[in-house]
N, C-alpha and C. Protein backbone atom coordinates (compact mmCIF):
# COMPACT_ATOMS: atom_id res chain seq x y z
N MET A 1 102.83 89.56 104.66
CA MET A 1 103.55 90.28 103.44
C MET A 1 104.92 90.49 103.99
N ARG A 2 106.33 90.10 103.21
CA ARG A 2 107.47 90.82 103.73
C ARG A 2 107.67 92.45 103.07
N TYR A 3 107.83 93.41 103.88
CA TYR A 3 107.72 94.82 103.38
C TYR A 3 109.07 94.90 102.54
N CYS A 4 110.22 94.87 102.77
CA CYS A 4 111.31 95.27 102.59
C CYS A 4 112.60 94.46 102.41
N GLN A 5 112.99 94.39 100.83
CA GLN A 5 114.21 93.84 100.65
C GLN A 5 115.36 94.91 100.03
N PHE A 6 116.42 95.30 100.69
CA PHE A 6 117.31 96.29 99.68
C PHE A 6 118.39 95.42 99.32
N LEU A 7 118.40 95.95 98.13
CA LEU A 7 119.28 95.83 96.89
C LEU A 7 120.39 97.06 96.40
N LEU A 8 121.58 97.51 97.41
CA LEU A 8 122.01 98.82 96.89
C LEU A 8 123.15 98.49 96.35
N GLU A 9 123.76 99.46 95.41
CA GLU A 9 124.83 99.36 94.75
C GLU A 9 125.13 98.23 94.04
N GLU A 10 126.00 97.62 94.47
CA GLU A 10 126.71 96.24 93.67
C GLU A 10 125.86 95.21 93.82
N GLN A 11 124.93 95.17 94.77
CA GLN A 11 123.97 94.12 95.26
C GLN A 11 122.51 94.09 94.23
N ALA A 12 122.37 95.34 93.87
CA ALA A 12 121.44 95.56 92.48
C ALA A 12 121.91 94.71 91.15
N THR A 13 121.60 93.42 91.21
CA THR A 13 122.16 92.68 90.05
C THR A 13 120.61 92.03 89.62
N TRP A 14 120.75 91.65 88.06
CA TRP A 14 120.03 90.52 87.63
C TRP A 14 119.66 89.50 88.26
N GLU A 15 120.59 89.10 88.79
CA GLU A 15 121.13 87.68 89.45
C GLU A 15 120.03 88.08 90.77
N GLN A 16 120.54 89.07 91.56
CA GLN A 16 119.84 89.08 93.22
C GLN A 16 118.32 89.40 92.49
N VAL A 17 117.75 89.66 91.54
CA VAL A 17 116.55 90.06 91.63
C VAL A 17 116.07 88.95 91.11
N GLN A 18 116.05 87.81 90.08
CA GLN A 18 115.72 86.78 90.22
C GLN A 18 115.95 85.66 91.22
N TRP A 19 116.99 85.53 92.17
CA TRP A 19 116.91 85.16 93.28
C TRP A 19 116.05 85.43 94.21
N LEU A 20 115.48 86.77 94.24
CA LEU A 20 114.51 87.14 95.27
C LEU A 20 113.27 86.44 94.77
N ARG A 21 112.86 86.94 93.43
CA ARG A 21 111.70 86.01 92.52
C ARG A 21 111.21 84.39 92.82
N GLU A 22 112.70 84.06 92.94
CA GLU A 22 112.67 81.98 92.96
C GLU A 22 112.32 81.96 94.20
N GLN A 23 112.68 82.56 95.47
CA GLN A 23 112.57 82.15 96.91
C GLN A 23 110.78 81.91 97.27
N ASP A 24 110.13 82.41 96.77
CA ASP A 24 108.73 82.00 96.75
C ASP A 24 107.98 81.93 94.90
N GLN A 25 107.99 80.44 94.83
CA GLN A 25 107.74 80.25 93.29
C GLN A 25 106.48 80.71 93.26
N ALA A 26 105.40 80.58 94.12
CA ALA A 26 103.82 80.76 94.23
C ALA A 26 103.79 81.90 93.47
N GLN A 27 104.35 82.81 94.62
CA GLN A 27 103.82 84.27 94.45
C GLN A 27 105.12 85.13 93.87
N GLY A 28 106.36 84.91 93.75
CA GLY A 28 107.49 85.60 93.33
C GLY A 28 107.73 87.12 93.81
N LEU A 29 108.12 88.07 92.88
CA LEU A 29 107.92 89.06 93.72
C LEU A 29 107.00 89.84 94.28
N ALA A 30 105.44 89.44 93.91
CA ALA A 30 104.42 89.94 94.58
C ALA A 30 104.34 89.66 95.99
N ARG A 31 105.01 88.69 96.89
CA ARG A 31 104.95 88.88 98.27
C ARG A 31 105.63 89.83 98.80
N PHE A 32 106.12 91.05 98.25
CA PHE A 32 106.46 92.45 98.80
C PHE A 32 105.17 93.17 98.05
N ALA A 33 105.34 94.32 99.33
CA ALA A 33 104.14 95.26 99.13
C ALA A 33 104.57 96.04 98.05
N TRP A 34 105.68 96.55 97.78
CA TRP A 34 105.98 97.08 96.59
C TRP A 34 107.34 97.16 96.10
N LEU A 35 107.81 97.36 94.79
CA LEU A 35 108.94 97.01 94.35
C LEU A 35 109.24 98.61 93.92
N HIS A 36 110.49 99.36 94.12
CA HIS A 36 110.95 100.46 94.48
C HIS A 36 112.20 100.59 93.45
N LEU A 37 112.31 101.03 92.09
CA LEU A 37 113.64 101.02 91.65
C LEU A 37 114.56 102.32 91.38
N ALA A 38 114.93 102.73 92.02
CA ALA A 38 115.96 103.76 92.00
C ALA A 38 116.85 103.41 91.30
N GLY A 39 117.14 104.55 90.14
CA GLY A 39 118.72 104.45 88.88
C GLY A 39 117.91 105.19 87.82
N HIS A 40 118.34 104.62 86.78
CA HIS A 40 118.46 105.11 85.17
C HIS A 40 117.45 104.17 84.46
N ALA A 41 116.38 104.81 84.12
CA ALA A 41 115.23 104.27 83.09
C ALA A 41 115.67 104.64 81.86
N PHE A 42 115.61 103.92 80.68
CA PHE A 42 115.89 104.24 79.27
C PHE A 42 114.57 104.17 78.54
N ALA A 43 114.55 104.76 77.56
CA ALA A 43 113.55 104.28 76.55
C ALA A 43 113.82 104.28 75.21
N ASP A 44 113.20 103.46 74.56
CA ASP A 44 113.55 103.37 73.02
C ASP A 44 112.41 104.30 72.53
N GLN A 45 112.92 105.11 71.67
CA GLN A 45 111.95 106.02 71.28
C GLN A 45 111.77 105.59 69.85
N HIS A 46 112.12 104.63 69.23
CA HIS A 46 111.72 104.36 68.03
C HIS A 46 110.76 103.17 67.57
N THR A 47 111.06 102.30 68.63
CA THR A 47 109.85 101.19 68.56
C THR A 47 109.39 101.22 70.18
N GLY A 48 109.74 101.41 71.20
CA GLY A 48 109.48 101.32 72.14
C GLY A 48 110.05 100.36 73.20
N ARG A 49 110.01 99.11 72.50
CA ARG A 49 110.27 97.92 72.95
C ARG A 49 112.11 97.35 73.49
N LEU A 50 112.73 98.41 73.41
CA LEU A 50 113.87 98.19 73.93
C LEU A 50 114.58 99.22 74.96
N GLY A 51 113.32 99.36 75.57
CA GLY A 51 113.61 100.47 76.91
C GLY A 51 113.92 99.40 77.86
N GLY A 52 114.14 99.99 79.01
CA GLY A 52 114.37 99.18 80.37
C GLY A 52 115.06 100.30 81.35
N PHE A 53 115.43 99.53 82.33
CA PHE A 53 116.15 100.16 83.79
C PHE A 53 117.37 99.50 83.59
N SER A 54 118.11 100.39 84.28
CA SER A 54 119.69 99.84 84.49
C SER A 54 120.23 99.41 85.60
N LEU A 55 120.60 98.15 86.16
CA LEU A 55 120.98 97.56 87.39
C LEU A 55 122.35 97.57 87.29
N TRP A 56 122.82 97.43 88.58
CA TRP A 56 124.58 97.31 88.65
C TRP A 56 125.39 96.77 87.79
N ASP A 57 125.16 95.41 87.32
CA ASP A 57 125.37 94.84 86.46
C ASP A 57 125.03 94.52 84.90
N GLY A 58 124.04 95.21 84.80
CA GLY A 58 123.53 95.04 83.49
C GLY A 58 122.29 95.84 83.17
N ASP A 59 121.49 96.04 82.34
CA ASP A 59 120.08 96.41 81.84
C ASP A 59 118.94 95.11 82.17
N ILE A 60 118.23 95.59 82.73
CA ILE A 60 116.54 95.10 82.62
C ILE A 60 115.56 95.20 81.31
N ARG A 61 115.51 94.38 80.18
CA ARG A 61 114.73 95.16 79.20
C ARG A 61 113.29 94.89 79.48
N LEU A 62 112.27 95.35 78.69
CA LEU A 62 111.17 95.37 79.08
C LEU A 62 110.23 93.75 78.96
N ASP A 63 111.30 92.83 78.31
CA ASP A 63 110.49 91.74 78.14
C ASP A 63 111.32 90.70 79.67
N GLN A 64 112.19 90.96 79.88
CA GLN A 64 112.78 90.51 80.93
C GLN A 64 111.89 91.21 82.23
N LEU A 65 111.58 92.09 82.46
CA LEU A 65 110.75 93.10 83.59
C LEU A 65 109.44 92.53 83.73
N ARG A 66 108.65 91.83 82.10
CA ARG A 66 107.36 91.47 82.58
C ARG A 66 107.64 90.22 82.54
N ASP A 67 108.83 89.37 82.51
CA ASP A 67 108.94 87.87 83.01
C ASP A 67 108.87 87.87 84.49
N LEU A 68 109.06 88.95 85.17
CA LEU A 68 109.42 88.67 86.82
C LEU A 68 107.66 88.37 87.42
N ASN A 69 106.68 88.81 86.26
CA ASN A 69 105.73 88.46 87.26
C ASN A 69 105.10 87.25 88.00
N PRO A 70 104.46 87.41 88.90
CA PRO A 70 103.61 88.93 89.04
C PRO A 70 104.90 89.07 89.79
N LEU A 71 104.29 91.28 89.47
CA LEU A 71 104.89 91.80 90.01
C LEU A 71 104.19 92.29 91.53
N PRO A 72 104.95 93.28 92.18
CA PRO A 72 104.34 93.79 93.35
C PRO A 72 103.15 94.66 92.99
N LYS A 73 101.74 95.22 93.64
CA LYS A 73 100.63 95.81 93.39
C LYS A 73 100.99 97.46 93.08
N LEU A 74 102.32 97.67 93.80
CA LEU A 74 103.09 98.80 93.49
C LEU A 74 104.24 98.73 92.79
N VAL A 75 104.45 99.58 91.90
CA VAL A 75 106.07 99.63 91.14
C VAL A 75 106.32 101.06 91.04
N THR A 76 107.36 101.53 91.96
CA THR A 76 107.55 102.92 91.85
C THR A 76 109.11 102.86 91.39
N PHE A 77 109.15 103.80 90.24
CA PHE A 77 110.64 104.09 89.96
C PHE A 77 111.03 105.75 90.25
N SER A 78 112.37 105.91 90.94
CA SER A 78 113.04 107.10 91.06
C SER A 78 113.69 106.65 89.90
N ALA A 79 113.65 107.73 88.69
CA ALA A 79 114.17 107.58 87.76
C ALA A 79 113.49 108.55 86.50
N CYS A 80 114.71 109.08 86.22
CA CYS A 80 114.29 109.98 84.99
C CYS A 80 113.63 109.70 83.70
N SER A 81 112.26 110.34 83.23
CA SER A 81 111.67 109.83 82.28
C SER A 81 110.93 108.64 82.17
N SER A 82 110.65 107.91 83.74
CA SER A 82 110.48 106.39 83.67
C SER A 82 109.33 106.26 83.35
N LEU A 83 108.17 107.36 83.15
CA LEU A 83 107.00 107.26 82.85
C LEU A 83 106.79 107.15 81.04
N TYR A 84 107.59 106.85 80.19
CA TYR A 84 107.57 107.41 79.01
C TYR A 84 106.98 106.48 78.31
N SER A 85 105.99 106.61 77.37
CA SER A 85 105.77 105.23 76.42
C SER A 85 105.67 105.53 75.09
N PHE A 86 106.41 104.59 74.12
CA PHE A 86 106.29 105.01 72.80
C PHE A 86 105.04 104.65 72.60
N VAL A 87 104.31 105.20 71.84
CA VAL A 87 102.76 104.92 71.53
C VAL A 87 102.42 104.44 70.26
N TYR A 88 102.05 103.16 69.60
CA TYR A 88 101.76 102.67 68.52
C TYR A 88 100.46 103.37 68.10
N GLU A 89 100.26 103.21 66.68
CA GLU A 89 98.59 103.79 66.13
C GLU A 89 97.79 102.66 66.87
N GLY A 90 96.58 103.12 67.22
CA GLY A 90 95.66 102.43 68.00
C GLY A 90 95.60 102.21 69.36
N ASP A 91 96.86 103.31 69.97
CA ASP A 91 97.09 103.81 71.21
C ASP A 91 97.54 102.37 72.23
N GLU A 92 98.40 101.93 71.34
CA GLU A 92 99.01 100.60 71.94
C GLU A 92 100.47 101.34 72.71
N HIS A 93 100.79 101.65 74.02
CA HIS A 93 101.50 102.05 74.71
C HIS A 93 102.75 101.05 75.09
N VAL A 94 104.06 101.16 74.63
CA VAL A 94 105.15 100.30 75.32
C VAL A 94 105.85 100.94 75.78
N GLY A 95 106.38 100.51 77.06
CA GLY A 95 107.59 101.00 77.88
C GLY A 95 107.34 100.80 79.37
N LEU A 96 108.37 101.44 80.57
CA LEU A 96 108.32 100.48 81.44
C LEU A 96 106.59 100.44 82.06
N PRO A 97 105.99 101.46 82.15
CA PRO A 97 104.60 101.52 82.94
C PRO A 97 103.97 100.66 82.36
N MET A 98 103.70 100.42 81.16
CA MET A 98 102.85 99.57 80.50
C MET A 98 103.40 97.94 80.84
N THR A 99 104.75 98.01 80.81
CA THR A 99 105.05 96.51 81.04
C THR A 99 104.47 96.25 82.77
N CYS A 100 104.77 97.08 83.68
CA CYS A 100 104.47 96.50 84.96
C CYS A 100 103.05 96.30 85.19
N LEU A 101 102.20 97.36 84.59
CA LEU A 101 101.00 96.73 84.44
C LEU A 101 100.48 95.36 84.22
N VAL A 102 101.30 94.77 82.80
CA VAL A 102 100.71 93.88 82.03
C VAL A 102 101.47 92.74 83.20
N ALA A 103 102.30 92.94 84.05
CA ALA A 103 103.01 91.98 84.63
C ALA A 103 102.45 91.66 86.13
N GLY A 104 101.50 92.76 86.28
CA GLY A 104 100.92 92.25 87.58
C GLY A 104 100.54 93.38 88.49
N ALA A 105 101.36 94.27 88.51
CA ALA A 105 100.99 96.01 89.08
C ALA A 105 99.68 96.65 88.86
N ASN A 106 99.33 97.00 89.85
CA ASN A 106 98.10 97.87 89.81
C ASN A 106 98.39 99.28 89.62
N SER A 107 99.16 99.39 90.25
CA SER A 107 99.62 101.20 90.23
C SER A 107 101.19 101.15 89.70
N VAL A 108 101.78 102.07 89.00
CA VAL A 108 102.98 102.39 89.12
C VAL A 108 103.45 104.12 89.03
N VAL A 109 104.28 104.31 89.83
CA VAL A 109 104.74 105.97 89.98
C VAL A 109 105.97 106.29 89.60
N GLY A 110 106.06 106.96 88.77
CA GLY A 110 107.38 107.55 87.96
C GLY A 110 107.24 108.96 87.71
N SER A 111 108.32 109.05 87.23
CA SER A 111 108.82 110.56 86.82
C SER A 111 108.35 110.59 84.89
N ALA A 112 108.12 111.51 84.31
CA ALA A 112 107.32 112.01 83.54
C ALA A 112 108.61 112.79 82.63
N TRP A 113 109.04 113.19 82.90
CA TRP A 113 110.59 113.73 82.85
C TRP A 113 111.72 113.60 83.45
N PRO A 114 112.95 114.21 82.46
CA PRO A 114 114.27 114.20 83.85
C PRO A 114 114.15 114.65 84.69
N ILE A 115 114.46 114.20 86.22
CA ILE A 115 114.56 114.75 87.33
C ILE A 115 116.28 114.71 87.82
N THR A 116 116.51 115.31 89.18
CA THR A 116 117.68 115.37 89.77
C THR A 116 117.77 114.50 90.84
N ASP A 117 118.04 113.48 91.04
CA ASP A 117 118.32 112.53 92.09
C ASP A 117 118.06 113.29 93.50
N ARG A 118 118.37 114.46 93.65
CA ARG A 118 117.49 115.01 95.12
C ARG A 118 116.47 115.34 95.06
N ALA A 119 115.55 115.74 93.83
CA ALA A 119 114.46 115.55 94.02
C ALA A 119 113.59 114.41 93.82
N ALA A 120 114.35 113.73 93.43
CA ALA A 120 113.33 112.21 93.32
C ALA A 120 113.73 111.65 94.69
N HIS A 121 114.80 112.13 95.66
CA HIS A 121 114.69 111.62 96.97
C HIS A 121 113.55 112.33 98.01
N GLU A 122 113.74 113.61 97.79
CA GLU A 122 112.67 114.18 98.41
C GLU A 122 111.34 113.72 97.82
N PHE A 123 110.79 113.66 96.97
CA PHE A 123 109.70 113.06 96.21
C PHE A 123 109.19 112.01 97.15
N THR A 124 109.99 110.96 96.65
CA THR A 124 109.89 109.87 97.43
C THR A 124 109.78 109.74 99.09
N ILE A 125 110.35 110.41 99.69
CA ILE A 125 110.13 110.66 100.72
C ILE A 125 108.88 110.60 101.84
N GLU A 126 108.41 111.83 100.72
CA GLU A 126 106.93 111.99 101.09
C GLU A 126 105.86 111.26 100.40
N PHE A 127 106.12 110.84 99.72
CA PHE A 127 105.28 109.87 98.76
C PHE A 127 105.09 109.09 99.56
N TYR A 128 106.23 107.78 100.06
CA TYR A 128 106.00 106.64 101.07
C TYR A 128 105.00 107.25 102.31
N ARG A 129 105.68 108.23 103.36
CA ARG A 129 105.10 108.38 104.63
C ARG A 129 103.43 108.69 104.25
N TYR A 130 103.08 109.36 103.28
CA TYR A 130 101.58 108.94 102.90
C TYR A 130 101.14 107.69 102.55
N TYR A 131 101.91 107.06 101.67
CA TYR A 131 101.58 105.84 101.39
C TYR A 131 101.29 104.56 102.57
N LEU A 132 102.21 104.57 103.34
CA LEU A 132 102.64 103.60 104.40
C LEU A 132 101.52 104.31 105.73
N GLU A 133 101.06 105.08 105.47
CA GLU A 133 99.79 106.07 106.20
C GLU A 133 98.36 105.14 106.03
N GLY A 134 98.34 104.62 104.67
CA GLY A 134 97.48 104.13 104.03
C GLY A 134 96.43 104.42 102.75
N VAL A 135 97.13 105.58 102.32
CA VAL A 135 96.31 105.96 101.21
C VAL A 135 96.68 104.98 99.82
N SER A 136 95.75 105.58 98.90
CA SER A 136 95.95 104.87 97.83
C SER A 136 97.54 105.73 97.00
N PRO A 137 98.35 104.80 95.87
CA PRO A 137 99.36 105.43 95.54
C PRO A 137 98.90 106.69 94.89
N ALA A 138 97.69 106.80 94.29
CA ALA A 138 97.99 108.17 93.67
C ALA A 138 97.59 109.12 94.35
N TRP A 139 96.79 108.99 95.55
CA TRP A 139 96.59 109.74 96.44
C TRP A 139 97.78 110.31 97.13
N ALA A 140 98.58 109.43 97.42
CA ALA A 140 99.75 109.49 97.95
C ALA A 140 101.05 110.57 97.07
N VAL A 141 100.80 110.31 95.89
CA VAL A 141 101.42 111.38 95.07
C VAL A 141 100.86 112.64 94.97
N THR A 142 99.74 112.69 94.93
CA THR A 142 99.06 113.89 95.21
C THR A 142 98.97 115.09 96.90
N LEU A 143 99.10 114.17 97.51
CA LEU A 143 99.51 114.97 98.89
C LEU A 143 101.05 115.04 99.13
N ALA A 144 101.80 114.16 98.45
CA ALA A 144 103.31 114.75 98.53
C ALA A 144 103.67 115.59 97.72
N GLN A 145 103.10 116.01 96.72
CA GLN A 145 102.98 117.14 95.77
C GLN A 145 102.38 118.52 96.48
N ARG A 146 101.29 118.09 97.39
CA ARG A 146 100.97 119.52 98.13
C ARG A 146 101.78 119.98 98.88
N LYS A 147 102.22 118.93 99.67
CA LYS A 147 103.16 119.06 100.66
C LYS A 147 104.43 119.88 100.04
N MET A 148 105.18 119.53 99.13
CA MET A 148 105.78 120.35 98.68
C MET A 148 105.81 121.37 97.88
N ILE A 149 104.61 121.32 97.60
CA ILE A 149 103.80 123.25 97.21
C ILE A 149 104.02 123.80 98.06
N GLY A 150 103.28 123.46 99.07
CA GLY A 150 103.62 124.38 100.43
C GLY A 150 104.66 124.25 101.05
N SER A 151 105.75 123.94 100.87
CA SER A 151 107.22 124.17 101.41
C SER A 151 107.96 124.77 100.50
N LYS A 152 107.23 125.51 99.68
CA LYS A 152 107.65 126.17 98.29
C LYS A 152 109.11 125.48 97.16
N ALA A 153 109.01 123.88 97.27
CA ALA A 153 109.63 123.57 96.36
C ALA A 153 109.65 123.92 94.98
N GLU A 154 110.85 123.78 94.43
CA GLU A 154 110.58 124.05 93.02
C GLU A 154 109.91 123.11 92.13
N ILE A 155 108.88 123.84 90.96
CA ILE A 155 108.26 122.76 90.29
C ILE A 155 108.50 121.70 89.92
N SER A 156 109.68 121.70 89.52
CA SER A 156 110.96 120.79 88.92
C SER A 156 111.26 119.48 89.61
N THR A 157 110.62 119.81 91.21
CA THR A 157 111.26 118.72 92.19
C THR A 157 110.35 117.70 92.50
N TRP A 158 108.84 117.85 92.03
CA TRP A 158 107.45 117.24 92.36
C TRP A 158 106.64 117.13 90.87
N ALA A 159 106.42 117.99 90.24
CA ALA A 159 105.15 118.03 89.01
C ALA A 159 105.48 117.07 88.17
N SER A 160 106.69 116.36 88.14
CA SER A 160 106.93 115.47 86.98
C SER A 160 106.31 113.84 87.36
N PHE A 161 105.64 113.95 88.89
CA PHE A 161 105.61 112.39 89.44
C PHE A 161 104.20 112.65 88.99
N THR A 162 103.72 110.92 88.77
CA THR A 162 102.44 110.81 88.57
C THR A 162 102.15 109.23 88.92
N CYS A 163 100.98 109.03 88.89
CA CYS A 163 100.74 107.41 89.47
C CYS A 163 99.64 107.18 87.83
N LEU A 164 100.05 105.95 87.53
CA LEU A 164 99.30 105.17 86.38
C LEU A 164 98.55 104.36 86.93
N GLY A 165 98.07 103.88 86.27
CA GLY A 165 96.99 102.74 86.75
C GLY A 165 95.66 102.88 87.51
N MET A 166 95.70 102.03 88.80
CA MET A 166 94.77 102.18 89.31
C MET A 166 94.58 103.18 90.77
N PRO A 167 93.59 103.84 90.95
CA PRO A 167 94.38 105.21 91.61
C PRO A 167 94.27 104.64 92.97
């Protein structure tokens, strides 16, 4: 399994994401251990369906993200309010987290409210340190939060991060 492919700044385009997916038709992006998106998430607070994530050259809408299936088992967002879901009657959630789970992710890690780039960076370093040691995504979130609490980090730098899906 390949662990890393960086798409930075102007490389982070829809065309590049599709190219990565097409390199292995059978597994698509699921051949990676995880997908980490750092940038800007946006939500549709009226229907939920027009939410998505911004890339260098435009936005990935929820239906486009879903069509990238199968996604890696872990999807991580370093983005403000990336765990926002619009909830329909009957508790049907629509947003980035549910879209990723439907598209094959087992776990989605992100922020429940707006965060600074620095806070996302600090949390992400700790999260992946634990995750790469072999703990589950949910436990890695917990350990990263505990580490930041122990270092007297501001609550705004760690409290918004959550793991949804399988622990």
